[in-house]
Amino acid sequence: MKFKSVEFKFAVIQSLIDNGFLKKQTEAVEKRIQKGDFEEYYQSCGIEKFYGPHPEIYEYFKNLELSDKLLSSIKSISFEGGNEVYHLIAHNWDGEDNIFDVRSLEDVCLAPNLEELVDCVLVDVDDASPLLQLKKLRSVDVNYDGGIKDKKTISQLEKKGVQILNRAEDVSEKKESSGKSNLVEDLKFIEEYEKAQDLFYDKSDPRRALPIFEKLISQRPEDADCWMEKGNVHSELGNDTEAEKAWLKCIELDPGYDEVHYNLANIKKDKKQYSEAMELVQKAIESGMADRPEAWHIMGQLHCLLDDPAAGRKVFEKALKLYEKESETTDDAADNRFQLACIHSLLGNAEKALYYLREAVEIDGSSRDRAKDEPDFHSIKNNSMFVNYINE
């Protein structure tokens, strides 16, 4: 094996990916991820390994043969947390631990034509002397916040004409001095943001979208939209704790996100923190969800859970009118009929609840499984017609 540091090798692999190499290798892994081949491991591994690497993929990239010709083609290596290869190896990695941190630079000699080291966020080394071997090196991002801490070697590199950058410091100074964004940076940011949205919403690939949103947040930690999307992705992946953290940060930055308040209300409700949930759903309605039936639906549930069924009934009637109005224009008829069935069940209208549930099942058979665990149907769960519908 050529490499002494597997973490450095992963960064090298990313450089090759960025340069258009290793397409077949990465596509093969991506296809297996999309097929769900590795889900069984993550479902059974426990929380301590959930965010870590998948052993099979880790070994695959660790042992991947890289020819001298490929290594000689490398001119730049990035150690940024959003690198695609990290999220192929560890699909759920959130950047909160150091599993990909590079602690040795002795393998740099394997890339003899290396010209620059950039985004050294995941580098943590005290000895940078191997860099002195690189004849073509012209730029190094030392990232003094935790990156390359060997100031003696850095001084020697400067004397040789190598440009020494400190990205973390430069970014901070730029923000403080100008408060303005570079137009090119803005366009790149928007392009990456749209790419992540496309992966998440259009291609249903939250695992690939997550690292992009993480990277964008690292660039602009005050961007509430990115925090909202990060929460949405984590929610889709079933990581409610991480979703809650991201959504809370979003409304800290901008309290006007109505759907984020609504999402947080659902999480608080599931945690049985009903008073907090009520405050959040009220904010959601005040912020722009006054015409959204689902907001009134959860508010009615919360009134009942807080022992005020009379108030709950009034709110359910409000939700019913909105669901009925929505049925005329909705693109998701099955969900609309399902929600109408829920509201009629909560209002004690068994006949109408069963009618709309039947419609929902006829439009989309998955409504049958959904109904089995729906607490809104407690008033009709023993009805023979309900039992027949969900067991057909």
Protein backbone atom coordinates (compact mmCIF):
# COMPACT_ATOMS: atom_id res chain seq x y z
CA MET A 1 0.00 0.00 0.00
CA LYS A 2 1.50 3.36 -1.03
CA PHE A 3 -0.27 5.54 1.50
CA LYS A 4 0.60 5.65 5.17
CA SER A 5 -2.37 7.91 5.97
CA VAL A 6 -5.72 6.61 4.74
CA GLU A 7 -7.31 10.00 5.55
CA PHE A 8 -4.84 11.72 3.24
CA LYS A 9 -5.61 9.12 0.58
CA PHE A 10 -9.33 9.93 0.81
CA ALA A 11 -8.53 13.61 0.13
CA VAL A 12 -6.40 12.54 -2.85
CA ILE A 13 -9.30 10.46 -4.15
CA GLN A 14 -11.52 13.55 -3.90
CA SER A 15 -9.03 15.51 -5.98
CA LEU A 16 -9.14 12.81 -8.66
CA ILE A 17 -12.95 12.82 -8.58
CA ASP A 18 -12.94 16.60 -9.03
CA ASN A 19 -10.67 16.17 -12.05
CA GLY A 20 -13.02 13.70 -13.73
CA PHE A 21 -11.28 10.47 -12.76
CA LEU A 22 -12.65 7.44 -10.88
CA LYS A 23 -16.15 7.92 -12.34
CA LYS A 24 -16.87 4.20 -12.64
CA GLN A 25 -15.70 3.54 -9.10
CA THR A 26 -17.77 6.31 -7.50
CA GLU A 27 -20.85 5.62 -9.63
CA ALA A 28 -20.76 1.96 -8.59
CA VAL A 29 -20.85 2.98 -4.93
CA GLU A 30 -23.54 5.62 -5.53
CA LYS A 31 -25.80 3.10 -7.28
CA ARG A 32 -25.53 0.69 -4.37
CA ILE A 33 -26.30 3.49 -1.91
CA GLN A 34 -29.37 4.53 -3.92
CA LYS A 35 -30.53 0.91 -4.06
CA GLY A 36 -30.35 0.76 -0.28
CA ASP A 37 -27.69 -1.95 -0.16
CA PHE A 38 -26.15 -0.49 2.97
CA GLU A 39 -29.32 0.40 4.88
CA GLU A 40 -29.43 -2.83 6.87
CA TYR A 41 -26.07 -2.01 8.45
CA TYR A 42 -27.13 1.50 9.48
CA GLN A 43 -30.45 0.30 10.85
CA SER A 44 -28.75 -2.21 13.15
CA CYS A 45 -25.38 -0.61 13.96
CA GLY A 46 -26.52 1.60 16.83
CA ILE A 47 -26.27 5.35 17.24
CA GLU A 48 -22.53 5.26 18.04
CA LYS A 49 -21.77 3.97 14.51
CA PHE A 50 -24.68 5.56 12.62
CA TYR A 51 -22.69 8.65 11.63
CA GLY A 52 -19.50 6.71 10.96
CA PRO A 53 -18.13 4.97 7.86
CA HIS A 54 -19.67 1.89 6.35
CA PRO A 55 -16.96 -0.79 6.78
CA GLU A 56 -17.31 -2.19 3.25
CA ILE A 57 -17.11 1.20 1.50
CA TYR A 58 -14.30 2.36 3.80
CA GLU A 59 -12.22 -0.70 2.87
CA TYR A 60 -13.07 -0.28 -0.81
CA PHE A 61 -11.65 3.25 -1.00
CA LYS A 62 -8.84 2.44 1.40
CA ASN A 63 -7.60 -0.31 -0.89
CA LEU A 64 -8.39 1.41 -4.20
CA GLU A 65 -5.37 1.25 -6.49
CA LEU A 66 -4.12 4.64 -7.66
CA SER A 67 -1.50 4.58 -10.38
CA ASP A 68 1.57 6.80 -10.41
CA LYS A 69 0.15 8.44 -13.54
CA LEU A 70 -3.04 9.39 -11.71
CA LEU A 71 -1.12 10.68 -8.71
CA SER A 72 1.14 12.74 -10.95
CA SER A 73 -1.90 14.48 -12.42
CA ILE A 74 -2.89 16.01 -9.08
CA LYS A 75 -2.19 19.71 -8.72
CA SER A 76 -4.56 20.62 -5.91
CA ILE A 77 -5.91 18.82 -2.83
CA SER A 78 -8.83 20.02 -0.73
CA PHE A 79 -9.49 18.91 2.85
CA GLU A 80 -12.97 20.43 3.10
CA GLY A 81 -15.71 18.69 5.09
CA GLY A 82 -18.12 18.74 2.15
CA ASN A 83 -15.93 16.46 0.01
CA GLU A 84 -18.09 13.95 -1.83
CA VAL A 85 -15.89 10.98 -0.98
CA TYR A 86 -16.46 11.43 2.76
CA HIS A 87 -20.21 11.15 2.30
CA LEU A 88 -19.88 8.11 0.08
CA ILE A 89 -17.88 6.40 2.82
CA ALA A 90 -20.07 7.63 5.68
CA HIS A 91 -23.54 8.46 4.31
CA ASN A 92 -24.82 10.01 7.54
CA TRP A 93 -21.65 11.84 8.57
CA ASP A 94 -22.48 15.28 9.96
CA GLY A 95 -18.95 16.61 10.36
CA GLU A 96 -19.18 16.57 14.14
CA ASP A 97 -16.30 14.15 14.70
CA ASN A 98 -12.75 13.74 13.37
CA ILE A 99 -12.93 10.45 11.45
CA PHE A 100 -11.50 12.08 8.30
CA ASP A 101 -8.96 14.39 9.95
CA VAL A 102 -5.52 14.26 8.33
CA ARG A 103 -2.80 14.04 10.99
CA SER A 104 0.19 13.44 8.74
CA LEU A 105 1.44 15.01 5.51
CA GLU A 106 4.18 12.47 4.80
CA ASP A 107 2.24 11.14 1.79
CA VAL A 108 2.43 14.43 -0.14
CA CYS A 109 5.48 13.09 -1.97
CA LEU A 110 3.14 10.64 -3.76
CA ALA A 111 1.69 13.63 -5.65
CA PRO A 112 4.94 15.14 -6.98
CA ASN A 113 3.24 17.81 -9.11
CA LEU A 114 1.11 19.16 -6.28
CA GLU A 115 0.81 22.95 -6.49
CA GLU A 116 -1.62 23.84 -3.72
CA LEU A 117 -3.30 22.65 -0.54
CA VAL A 118 -6.68 24.34 -0.02
CA ASP A 119 -9.45 24.33 2.58
CA CYS A 120 -7.31 22.61 5.21
CA VAL A 121 -10.30 22.38 7.56
CA LEU A 122 -9.75 18.67 8.24
CA VAL A 123 -5.98 18.92 8.63
CA ASP A 124 -4.42 18.85 12.10
CA VAL A 125 -0.63 18.45 11.89
CA ASP A 126 2.34 19.68 13.89
CA ASP A 127 4.94 18.62 11.30
CA ALA A 128 4.61 20.15 7.84
CA SER A 129 8.20 19.45 6.75
CA PRO A 130 7.15 16.97 4.00
CA LEU A 131 5.83 19.98 2.08
CA LEU A 132 9.41 21.15 1.56
CA GLN A 133 9.90 18.20 -0.84
CA LEU A 134 7.32 19.54 -3.29
CA LYS A 135 9.13 21.44 -6.03
CA LYS A 136 5.99 22.87 -7.64
CA LEU A 137 4.15 23.93 -4.49
CA ARG A 138 2.96 27.53 -4.76
CA SER A 139 0.10 27.94 -2.25
CA VAL A 140 -0.85 26.49 1.15
CA ASP A 141 -3.94 27.24 3.24
CA VAL A 142 -2.53 26.71 6.74
CA ASN A 143 -5.86 27.26 8.59
CA TYR A 144 -4.20 28.17 11.90
CA ASP A 145 -7.47 27.50 13.72
CA GLY A 146 -6.43 23.86 13.78
CA GLY A 147 -4.78 23.00 10.49
CA ILE A 148 -1.03 23.22 9.81
CA LYS A 149 0.62 24.42 13.03
CA ASP A 150 4.29 24.01 12.05
CA LYS A 151 5.26 27.69 11.82
CA LYS A 152 8.94 26.89 11.30
CA THR A 153 8.21 25.01 8.08
CA ILE A 154 5.66 27.62 7.03
CA SER A 155 8.37 30.27 7.38
CA GLN A 156 10.73 28.20 5.22
CA LEU A 157 8.04 27.80 2.56
CA GLU A 158 7.45 31.56 2.52
CA LYS A 159 11.15 32.13 1.92
CA LYS A 160 10.91 29.76 -1.07
CA GLY A 161 8.11 31.92 -2.52
CA VAL A 162 5.16 29.73 -1.51
CA GLN A 163 2.02 31.79 -0.82
CA ILE A 164 0.72 31.14 2.70
CA LEU A 165 -3.00 31.65 3.23
CA ASN A 166 -5.16 31.41 6.31
CA ARG A 167 -8.63 30.88 4.90
CA ALA A 168 -10.48 31.01 8.21
CA GLU A 169 -8.81 34.32 9.13
CA ASP A 170 -9.16 35.77 5.63
CA VAL A 171 -12.88 35.01 5.47
CA SER A 172 -13.46 36.51 8.91
CA GLU A 173 -11.51 39.68 8.07
CA LYS A 174 -13.30 40.06 4.74
CA LYS A 175 -16.70 39.91 6.43
CA GLU A 176 -15.71 42.36 9.15
CA SER A 177 -14.09 44.85 6.82
CA SER A 178 -16.65 45.01 4.06
CA GLY A 179 -19.83 43.25 5.13
CA LYS A 180 -20.37 42.63 1.41
CA SER A 181 -20.21 39.45 -0.66
CA ASN A 182 -18.22 38.98 -3.82
CA LEU A 183 -20.53 38.62 -6.84
CA VAL A 184 -18.70 35.53 -8.12
CA GLU A 185 -18.92 33.94 -4.66
CA ASP A 186 -22.64 34.75 -4.55
CA LEU A 187 -23.24 33.06 -7.90
CA LYS A 188 -21.27 29.98 -6.86
CA PHE A 189 -23.18 29.85 -3.59
CA ILE A 190 -26.53 30.03 -5.37
CA GLU A 191 -25.44 27.39 -7.87
CA GLU A 192 -24.46 24.98 -5.09
CA TYR A 193 -27.66 25.74 -3.16
CA GLU A 194 -29.80 24.93 -6.20
CA LYS A 195 -27.79 21.78 -6.81
CA ALA A 196 -28.51 20.60 -3.26
CA GLN A 197 -32.20 21.41 -3.61
CA ASP A 198 -32.34 19.48 -6.88
CA LEU A 199 -30.75 16.44 -5.23
CA PHE A 200 -33.13 16.59 -2.28
CA TYR A 201 -36.46 17.56 -3.82
CA ASP A 202 -36.25 16.42 -7.46
CA LYS A 203 -33.93 13.42 -7.22
CA SER A 204 -34.96 12.28 -3.73
CA ASP A 205 -31.34 11.90 -2.67
CA PRO A 206 -31.04 13.53 0.78
CA ARG A 207 -27.74 11.81 1.56
CA ARG A 208 -25.96 13.59 -1.28
CA ALA A 209 -27.74 16.87 -0.58
CA LEU A 210 -26.74 17.00 3.09
CA PRO A 211 -22.97 17.56 2.66
CA ILE A 212 -23.63 20.39 0.21
CA PHE A 213 -25.89 22.18 2.68
CA GLU A 214 -23.25 21.55 5.37
CA LYS A 215 -20.60 23.11 3.15
CA LEU A 216 -22.79 26.13 2.39
CA ILE A 217 -23.43 26.65 6.09
CA SER A 218 -19.69 26.56 6.76
CA GLN A 219 -19.34 29.35 4.19
CA ARG A 220 -22.29 31.42 5.40
CA PRO A 221 -23.36 30.37 8.89
CA GLU A 222 -25.92 33.20 9.04
CA ASP A 223 -27.94 31.91 6.08
CA ALA A 224 -31.28 30.83 7.56
CA ASP A 225 -32.40 29.10 4.34
CA CYS A 226 -29.49 26.66 4.53
CA TRP A 227 -30.24 25.83 8.15
CA MET A 228 -33.88 25.23 7.22
CA GLU A 229 -32.89 22.88 4.38
CA LYS A 230 -30.41 21.08 6.60
CA GLY A 231 -33.26 20.44 9.04
CA ASN A 232 -35.50 19.23 6.23
CA VAL A 233 -32.86 16.77 5.03
CA HIS A 234 -32.20 15.42 8.52
CA SER A 235 -35.94 15.03 9.04
CA GLU A 236 -36.24 13.04 5.81
CA LEU A 237 -33.37 10.82 6.99
CA GLY A 238 -35.13 10.23 10.32
CA ASN A 239 -32.59 12.25 12.33
CA ASP A 240 -35.09 14.27 14.37
CA THR A 241 -32.52 15.46 16.91
CA GLU A 242 -30.32 16.98 14.21
CA ALA A 243 -33.38 18.34 12.39
CA GLU A 244 -34.52 20.10 15.56
CA LYS A 245 -31.08 21.67 16.09
CA ALA A 246 -30.98 22.99 12.53
CA TRP A 247 -34.53 24.35 12.61
CA LEU A 248 -33.96 26.08 15.95
CA LYS A 249 -30.90 27.77 14.47
CA CYS A 250 -32.98 28.81 11.46
CA ILE A 251 -35.65 30.61 13.49
CA GLU A 252 -32.96 32.09 15.73
CA LEU A 253 -31.56 33.75 12.60
CA ASP A 254 -34.96 34.57 11.12
CA PRO A 255 -38.13 34.09 13.23
CA GLY A 256 -40.36 34.47 10.16
CA TYR A 257 -40.11 30.88 8.87
CA ASP A 258 -43.66 29.65 9.39
CA GLU A 259 -43.09 26.07 8.23
CA VAL A 260 -40.07 25.70 10.49
CA HIS A 261 -42.20 26.69 13.49
CA TYR A 262 -44.76 24.12 12.31
CA ASN A 263 -42.12 21.40 11.94
CA LEU A 264 -40.75 22.14 15.41
CA ALA A 265 -44.28 22.02 16.82
CA ASN A 266 -44.62 18.47 15.50
CA ILE A 267 -41.33 17.46 17.11
CA LYS A 268 -42.35 18.98 20.45
CA LYS A 269 -45.72 17.27 20.21
CA ASP A 270 -44.03 13.90 19.66
CA LYS A 271 -41.90 14.62 22.74
CA LYS A 272 -45.11 15.36 24.68
CA GLN A 273 -44.00 18.94 25.24
CA TYR A 274 -47.46 20.19 24.41
CA SER A 275 -47.27 23.76 25.73
CA GLU A 276 -44.08 24.45 23.77
CA ALA A 277 -45.65 22.87 20.72
CA MET A 278 -48.69 25.12 21.06
CA GLU A 279 -46.52 28.25 21.18
CA LEU A 280 -44.70 27.14 18.04
CA VAL A 281 -47.81 26.36 16.03
CA GLN A 282 -49.32 29.72 17.04
CA LYS A 283 -46.18 31.40 15.70
CA ALA A 284 -46.48 29.36 12.50
CA ILE A 285 -50.04 30.60 12.00
CA GLU A 286 -49.06 34.18 12.78
CA SER A 287 -46.10 33.98 10.39
CA GLY A 288 -48.08 32.85 7.36
CA MET A 289 -49.85 29.53 7.86
CA ALA A 290 -53.26 30.93 8.73
CA ASP A 291 -54.71 29.41 5.56
CA ARG A 292 -52.95 26.07 5.94
CA PRO A 293 -55.24 23.36 7.34
CA GLU A 294 -52.40 21.27 8.78
CA ALA A 295 -51.47 24.07 11.18
CA TRP A 296 -55.01 24.23 12.60
CA HIS A 297 -55.13 20.42 12.63
CA ILE A 298 -52.15 20.13 14.98
CA MET A 299 -53.41 23.05 17.07
CA GLY A 300 -56.68 21.18 17.62
CA GLN A 301 -54.77 18.04 18.61
CA LEU A 302 -52.74 20.07 21.10
CA HIS A 303 -55.86 21.64 22.67
CA CYS A 304 -57.18 18.12 23.26
CA LEU A 305 -53.84 16.93 24.66
CA LEU A 306 -53.89 19.96 26.98
CA ASP A 307 -57.35 18.91 28.24
CA ASP A 308 -59.39 21.52 26.36
CA PRO A 309 -61.52 19.45 23.94
CA ALA A 310 -64.04 22.26 23.40
CA ALA A 311 -61.33 24.54 22.04
CA GLY A 312 -59.99 21.61 20.07
CA ARG A 313 -63.33 21.03 18.38
CA LYS A 314 -63.59 24.66 17.23
CA VAL A 315 -60.11 24.48 15.74
CA PHE A 316 -60.86 21.14 14.02
CA GLU A 317 -63.88 22.76 12.37
CA LYS A 318 -61.60 25.52 11.08
CA ALA A 319 -59.19 22.88 9.73
CA LEU A 320 -62.08 21.01 8.09
CA LYS A 321 -63.17 24.05 6.10
CA LEU A 322 -59.63 24.61 4.88
CA TYR A 323 -59.16 20.95 3.91
CA GLU A 324 -62.45 21.08 1.98
CA LYS A 325 -61.33 24.23 0.18
CA GLU A 326 -57.94 22.64 -0.53
CA SER A 327 -59.59 19.59 -2.13
CA GLU A 328 -60.52 21.72 -5.13
CA THR A 329 -56.92 22.56 -6.05
CA THR A 330 -54.60 20.04 -4.37
CA ASP A 331 -52.05 17.99 -6.31
CA ASP A 332 -52.14 15.29 -3.62
CA ALA A 333 -55.73 14.10 -3.53
CA ALA A 334 -54.92 10.98 -1.49
CA ASP A 335 -53.41 12.98 1.36
CA ASN A 336 -56.24 15.50 1.26
CA ARG A 337 -58.87 12.75 1.57
CA PHE A 338 -56.84 11.11 4.33
CA GLN A 339 -56.72 14.34 6.31
CA LEU A 340 -60.45 14.89 5.80
CA ALA A 341 -60.99 11.39 7.21
CA CYS A 342 -58.82 12.29 10.23
CA ILE A 343 -60.71 15.51 10.95
CA HIS A 344 -64.14 13.88 10.64
CA SER A 345 -62.99 11.12 12.97
CA LEU A 346 -61.82 13.70 15.52
CA LEU A 347 -65.18 15.48 15.21
CA GLY A 348 -67.05 12.19 15.74
CA ASN A 349 -68.38 11.97 12.18
CA ALA A 350 -67.73 8.25 11.68
CA GLU A 351 -69.64 7.90 8.41
CA LYS A 352 -67.82 10.76 6.70
CA ALA A 353 -64.48 9.66 8.16
CA LEU A 354 -64.93 6.19 6.64
CA TYR A 355 -66.07 7.68 3.32
CA TYR A 356 -62.96 9.84 2.93
CA LEU A 357 -60.66 7.08 4.15
CA ARG A 358 -62.10 4.79 1.49
CA GLU A 359 -61.42 7.47 -1.15
CA ALA A 360 -57.85 7.90 0.08
CA VAL A 361 -57.21 4.15 -0.16
CA GLU A 362 -58.69 3.97 -3.66
CA ILE A 363 -56.44 6.80 -4.84
CA ASP A 364 -53.31 5.50 -3.10
CA GLY A 365 -53.12 2.05 -1.54
CA SER A 366 -50.38 3.14 0.85
CA SER A 367 -53.04 5.09 2.77
CA ARG A 368 -54.11 1.72 4.16
CA ASP A 369 -50.82 1.20 6.03
CA ARG A 370 -50.77 4.82 7.04
CA ALA A 371 -54.19 4.48 8.67
CA LYS A 372 -53.14 1.55 10.86
CA ASP A 373 -51.07 3.73 13.20
CA GLU A 374 -52.93 7.04 12.85
CA PRO A 375 -54.05 8.20 16.33
CA ASP A 376 -56.71 10.49 14.82
CA PHE A 377 -58.73 7.37 14.01
CA HIS A 378 -59.13 6.29 17.63
CA SER A 379 -62.90 6.91 17.45
CA ILE A 380 -63.39 4.52 14.51
CA LYS A 381 -60.58 1.98 14.96
CA ASN A 382 -63.03 -0.67 16.18
CA ASN A 383 -65.57 0.00 13.42
CA SER A 384 -65.90 -3.10 11.22
CA MET A 385 -65.73 -1.02 8.03
CA PHE A 386 -62.46 0.59 9.20
CA VAL A 387 -61.00 -2.83 9.98
CA ASN A 388 -62.04 -4.06 6.54
CA TYR A 389 -60.50 -1.05 4.77
CA ILE A 390 -57.09 -1.41 6.38
CA ASN A 391 -56.93 -5.18 6.00
CA GLU A 392 -58.11 -5.53 2.40
